[in-house]
Amino acid sequence: MLKRLMLAAMLILPSLATAEDLGRGQARVTLVFDQAIPGVPGKSLRGVLVEYGPGASSPAHAHAPSAFIQATVLEGAVRSRVNQGPERVYRRGESFSELPGDHHGVSANASDTEPSRMLAIFVVNTDETVLTIPDPK
């Protein structure tokens, strides 16, 4: 089921934004699906498209306490650092995971000239409606 949802997203999502839509430094986050998981009471599967304009980034953050996340880069390249691990660049077709309680210290477009996009699939408690919690300032 997850593979089918990711394939459908890869086919449908390219039309959602262009480089002109995303200004420098901005990131756009769009919930693209939200589905209760049959046979797993209280759990949902949520797909989130994260689009970065050239040079854009997201503030450091954590996610809903129950969230397991599998993120796949759909276009361009994304810089990421989870917890105290090394910063890494993921390119189109590459994936990474985040476990419940992980901290996402770096999430950014790896390019200053081209946009990037990734699809983050969340397995999360259905009652958790806030998926991303920015670090306190």
C-alpha atoms as a PDB file:
ATOM      1  CA  MET A   1       0.000   0.000   0.000  1.00  0.00           C
ATOM      2  CA  LEU A   2       2.776   2.460   0.918  1.00  0.00           C
ATOM      3  CA  LYS A   3       4.571   1.830  -2.380  1.00  0.00           C
ATOM      4  CA  ARG A   4       1.352   2.482  -4.317  1.00  0.00           C
ATOM      5  CA  LEU A   5       0.733   5.755  -2.440  1.00  0.00           C
ATOM      6  CA  MET A   6       4.308   6.921  -3.065  1.00  0.00           C
ATOM      7  CA  LEU A   7       4.082   6.025  -6.763  1.00  0.00           C
ATOM      8  CA  ALA A   8       0.778   7.888  -7.085  1.00  0.00           C
ATOM      9  CA  ALA A   9       2.274  10.924  -5.339  1.00  0.00           C
ATOM     10  CA  MET A  10       5.325  10.905  -7.614  1.00  0.00           C
ATOM     11  CA  LEU A  11       3.038  10.901 -10.661  1.00  0.00           C
ATOM     12  CA  ILE A  12       0.580  13.522  -9.393  1.00  0.00           C
ATOM     13  CA  LEU A  13       2.706  15.921  -7.346  1.00  0.00           C
ATOM     14  CA  PRO A  14       5.029  17.318 -10.060  1.00  0.00           C
ATOM     15  CA  SER A  15       2.256  19.671 -11.184  1.00  0.00           C
ATOM     16  CA  LEU A  16       1.717  21.325  -7.785  1.00  0.00           C
ATOM     17  CA  ALA A  17       4.418  24.000  -7.908  1.00  0.00           C
ATOM     18  CA  THR A  18       7.004  25.588 -10.122  1.00  0.00           C
ATOM     19  CA  ALA A  19      10.260  27.301  -9.210  1.00  0.00           C
ATOM     20  CA  GLU A  20       8.514  30.657  -9.732  1.00  0.00           C
ATOM     21  CA  ASP A  21       5.919  29.742  -7.081  1.00  0.00           C
ATOM     22  CA  LEU A  22       8.561  29.300  -4.377  1.00  0.00           C
ATOM     23  CA  GLY A  23      10.559  32.345  -3.425  1.00  0.00           C
ATOM     24  CA  ARG A  24      14.107  32.220  -2.125  1.00  0.00           C
ATOM     25  CA  GLY A  25      14.253  31.126   1.501  1.00  0.00           C
ATOM     26  CA  GLN A  26      10.676  29.866   1.613  1.00  0.00           C
ATOM     27  CA  ALA A  27       9.400  26.335   2.101  1.00  0.00           C
ATOM     28  CA  ARG A  28       5.870  25.197   1.372  1.00  0.00           C
ATOM     29  CA  VAL A  29       4.333  22.256   3.249  1.00  0.00           C
ATOM     30  CA  THR A  30       1.151  20.642   1.896  1.00  0.00           C
ATOM     31  CA  LEU A  31      -0.822  17.742   3.361  1.00  0.00           C
ATOM     32  CA  VAL A  32      -1.551  15.577   0.300  1.00  0.00           C
ATOM     33  CA  PHE A  33      -3.322  12.654   1.953  1.00  0.00           C
ATOM     34  CA  ASP A  34      -4.627  11.559   5.357  1.00  0.00           C
ATOM     35  CA  GLN A  35      -5.856   7.981   5.693  1.00  0.00           C
ATOM     36  CA  ALA A  36      -6.747   5.918   8.743  1.00  0.00           C
ATOM     37  CA  ILE A  37      -4.886   2.593   8.552  1.00  0.00           C
ATOM     38  CA  PRO A  38      -7.406  -0.265   8.287  1.00  0.00           C
ATOM     39  CA  GLY A  39      -6.869  -2.903  10.964  1.00  0.00           C
ATOM     40  CA  VAL A  40      -4.637  -0.638  13.057  1.00  0.00           C
ATOM     41  CA  PRO A  41      -6.976   1.277  15.372  1.00  0.00           C
ATOM     42  CA  GLY A  42      -5.847   4.788  16.241  1.00  0.00           C
ATOM     43  CA  LYS A  43      -3.135   5.012  13.540  1.00  0.00           C
ATOM     44  CA  SER A  44      -3.146   7.061  10.343  1.00  0.00           C
ATOM     45  CA  LEU A  45      -0.947   7.432   7.288  1.00  0.00           C
ATOM     46  CA  ARG A  46      -0.350  11.062   6.270  1.00  0.00           C
ATOM     47  CA  GLY A  47       1.567  12.276   3.251  1.00  0.00           C
ATOM     48  CA  VAL A  48       3.208  15.695   3.372  1.00  0.00           C
ATOM     49  CA  LEU A  49       4.813  17.374   0.364  1.00  0.00           C
ATOM     50  CA  VAL A  50       7.685  19.704   1.324  1.00  0.00           C
ATOM     51  CA  GLU A  51       8.739  22.080  -1.459  1.00  0.00           C
ATOM     52  CA  TYR A  52      11.853  24.213  -1.166  1.00  0.00           C
ATOM     53  CA  GLY A  53      12.704  27.128  -3.400  1.00  0.00           C
ATOM     54  CA  PRO A  54      16.374  27.701  -4.230  1.00  0.00           C
ATOM     55  CA  GLY A  55      18.331  28.166  -0.995  1.00  0.00           C
ATOM     56  CA  ALA A  56      15.241  27.567   1.169  1.00  0.00           C
ATOM     57  CA  SER A  57      15.160  25.748   4.487  1.00  0.00           C
ATOM     58  CA  SER A  58      12.847  24.806   7.343  1.00  0.00           C
ATOM     59  CA  PRO A  59      13.537  25.766  10.952  1.00  0.00           C
ATOM     60  CA  ALA A  60      14.861  23.038  13.264  1.00  0.00           C
ATOM     61  CA  HIS A  61      11.956  20.968  14.536  1.00  0.00           C
ATOM     62  CA  ALA A  62      10.557  17.763  15.987  1.00  0.00           C
ATOM     63  CA  HIS A  63       7.407  15.922  14.950  1.00  0.00           C
ATOM     64  CA  ALA A  64       4.292  14.572  16.644  1.00  0.00           C
ATOM     65  CA  PRO A  65       5.426  12.276  19.497  1.00  0.00           C
ATOM     66  CA  SER A  66       4.165   9.082  17.808  1.00  0.00           C
ATOM     67  CA  ALA A  67       5.405   9.927  14.293  1.00  0.00           C
ATOM     68  CA  PHE A  68       7.481   7.477  12.284  1.00  0.00           C
ATOM     69  CA  ILE A  69       8.465   9.197   9.028  1.00  0.00           C
ATOM     70  CA  GLN A  70       9.827   7.913   5.741  1.00  0.00           C
ATOM     71  CA  ALA A  71      10.873  10.806   3.474  1.00  0.00           C
ATOM     72  CA  THR A  72      11.737  10.457  -0.227  1.00  0.00           C
ATOM     73  CA  VAL A  73      13.241  13.214  -2.385  1.00  0.00           C
ATOM     74  CA  LEU A  74      11.128  13.693  -5.509  1.00  0.00           C
ATOM     75  CA  GLU A  75      13.115  16.478  -7.171  1.00  0.00           C
ATOM     76  CA  GLY A  76      16.484  18.106  -6.648  1.00  0.00           C
ATOM     77  CA  ALA A  77      18.462  17.462  -3.470  1.00  0.00           C
ATOM     78  CA  VAL A  78      17.723  17.971   0.225  1.00  0.00           C
ATOM     79  CA  ARG A  79      20.197  18.508   3.083  1.00  0.00           C
ATOM     80  CA  SER A  80      19.153  16.807   6.301  1.00  0.00           C
ATOM     81  CA  ARG A  81      20.448  16.102   9.783  1.00  0.00           C
ATOM     82  CA  VAL A  82      18.512  13.998  12.268  1.00  0.00           C
ATOM     83  CA  ASN A  83      19.518  14.083  15.951  1.00  0.00           C
ATOM     84  CA  GLN A  84      23.296  14.331  16.326  1.00  0.00           C
ATOM     85  CA  GLY A  85      23.969  12.371  13.128  1.00  0.00           C
ATOM     86  CA  PRO A  86      25.965  13.798  10.250  1.00  0.00           C
ATOM     87  CA  GLU A  87      24.441  16.278   7.836  1.00  0.00           C
ATOM     88  CA  ARG A  88      23.723  14.439   4.607  1.00  0.00           C
ATOM     89  CA  VAL A  89      22.486  15.317   1.110  1.00  0.00           C
ATOM     90  CA  TYR A  90      19.719  13.136  -0.334  1.00  0.00           C
ATOM     91  CA  ARG A  91      19.083  13.269  -4.074  1.00  0.00           C
ATOM     92  CA  ARG A  92      16.055  12.403  -6.199  1.00  0.00           C
ATOM     93  CA  GLY A  93      14.854   8.888  -5.365  1.00  0.00           C
ATOM     94  CA  GLU A  94      16.798   8.617  -2.087  1.00  0.00           C
ATOM     95  CA  SER A  95      15.034   8.217   1.261  1.00  0.00           C
ATOM     96  CA  PHE A  96      15.621   8.610   4.984  1.00  0.00           C
ATOM     97  CA  SER A  97      13.654   7.793   8.134  1.00  0.00           C
ATOM     98  CA  GLU A  98      12.863   9.582  11.371  1.00  0.00           C
ATOM     99  CA  LEU A  99      11.812   7.673  14.473  1.00  0.00           C
ATOM    100  CA  PRO A 100       9.388   8.889  17.168  1.00  0.00           C
ATOM    101  CA  GLY A 101      11.162  11.505  19.299  1.00  0.00           C
ATOM    102  CA  ASP A 102      13.848  12.330  16.707  1.00  0.00           C
ATOM    103  CA  HIS A 103      14.973  15.932  16.228  1.00  0.00           C
ATOM    104  CA  HIS A 104      15.353  17.312  12.692  1.00  0.00           C
ATOM    105  CA  GLY A 105      18.109  19.916  13.068  1.00  0.00           C
ATOM    106  CA  VAL A 106      18.656  20.588   9.354  1.00  0.00           C
ATOM    107  CA  SER A 107      16.132  20.366   6.526  1.00  0.00           C
ATOM    108  CA  ALA A 108      17.022  22.450   3.493  1.00  0.00           C
ATOM    109  CA  ASN A 109      17.352  22.618  -0.244  1.00  0.00           C
ATOM    110  CA  ALA A 110      20.910  21.616  -1.145  1.00  0.00           C
ATOM    111  CA  SER A 111      20.876  23.979  -4.156  1.00  0.00           C
ATOM    112  CA  ASP A 112      20.922  27.770  -4.326  1.00  0.00           C
ATOM    113  CA  THR A 113      19.651  27.724  -7.921  1.00  0.00           C
ATOM    114  CA  GLU A 114      17.141  24.844  -8.322  1.00  0.00           C
ATOM    115  CA  PRO A 115      14.001  23.894  -6.357  1.00  0.00           C
ATOM    116  CA  SER A 116      13.676  20.626  -4.446  1.00  0.00           C
ATOM    117  CA  ARG A 117      10.718  18.575  -3.267  1.00  0.00           C
ATOM    118  CA  MET A 118      10.284  15.645  -0.918  1.00  0.00           C
ATOM    119  CA  LEU A 119       7.369  13.518   0.168  1.00  0.00           C
ATOM    120  CA  ALA A 120       7.260  12.667   3.877  1.00  0.00           C
ATOM    121  CA  ILE A 121       5.012   9.737   4.798  1.00  0.00           C
ATOM    122  CA  PHE A 122       3.952   9.816   8.457  1.00  0.00           C
ATOM    123  CA  VAL A 123       2.644   6.862  10.459  1.00  0.00           C
ATOM    124  CA  VAL A 124       1.110   8.703  13.379  1.00  0.00           C
ATOM    125  CA  ASN A 125      -1.538   8.479  16.080  1.00  0.00           C
ATOM    126  CA  THR A 126      -4.774   9.614  14.439  1.00  0.00           C
ATOM    127  CA  ASP A 127      -5.526  12.069  17.257  1.00  0.00           C
ATOM    128  CA  GLU A 128      -2.220  13.937  16.754  1.00  0.00           C
ATOM    129  CA  THR A 129      -3.109  16.784  14.432  1.00  0.00           C
ATOM    130  CA  VAL A 130       0.074  18.878  14.790  1.00  0.00           C
ATOM    131  CA  LEU A 131       2.736  17.085  12.744  1.00  0.00           C
ATOM    132  CA  THR A 132       5.630  19.562  13.076  1.00  0.00           C
ATOM    133  CA  ILE A 133       6.782  21.364  16.227  1.00  0.00           C
ATOM    134  CA  PRO A 134       9.383  24.119  15.623  1.00  0.00           C
ATOM    135  CA  ASP A 135      12.175  24.456  18.163  1.00  0.00           C
ATOM    136  CA  PRO A 136      11.567  27.178  20.756  1.00  0.00           C
ATOM    137  CA  LYS A 137      13.300  30.446  19.935  1.00  0.00           C
END
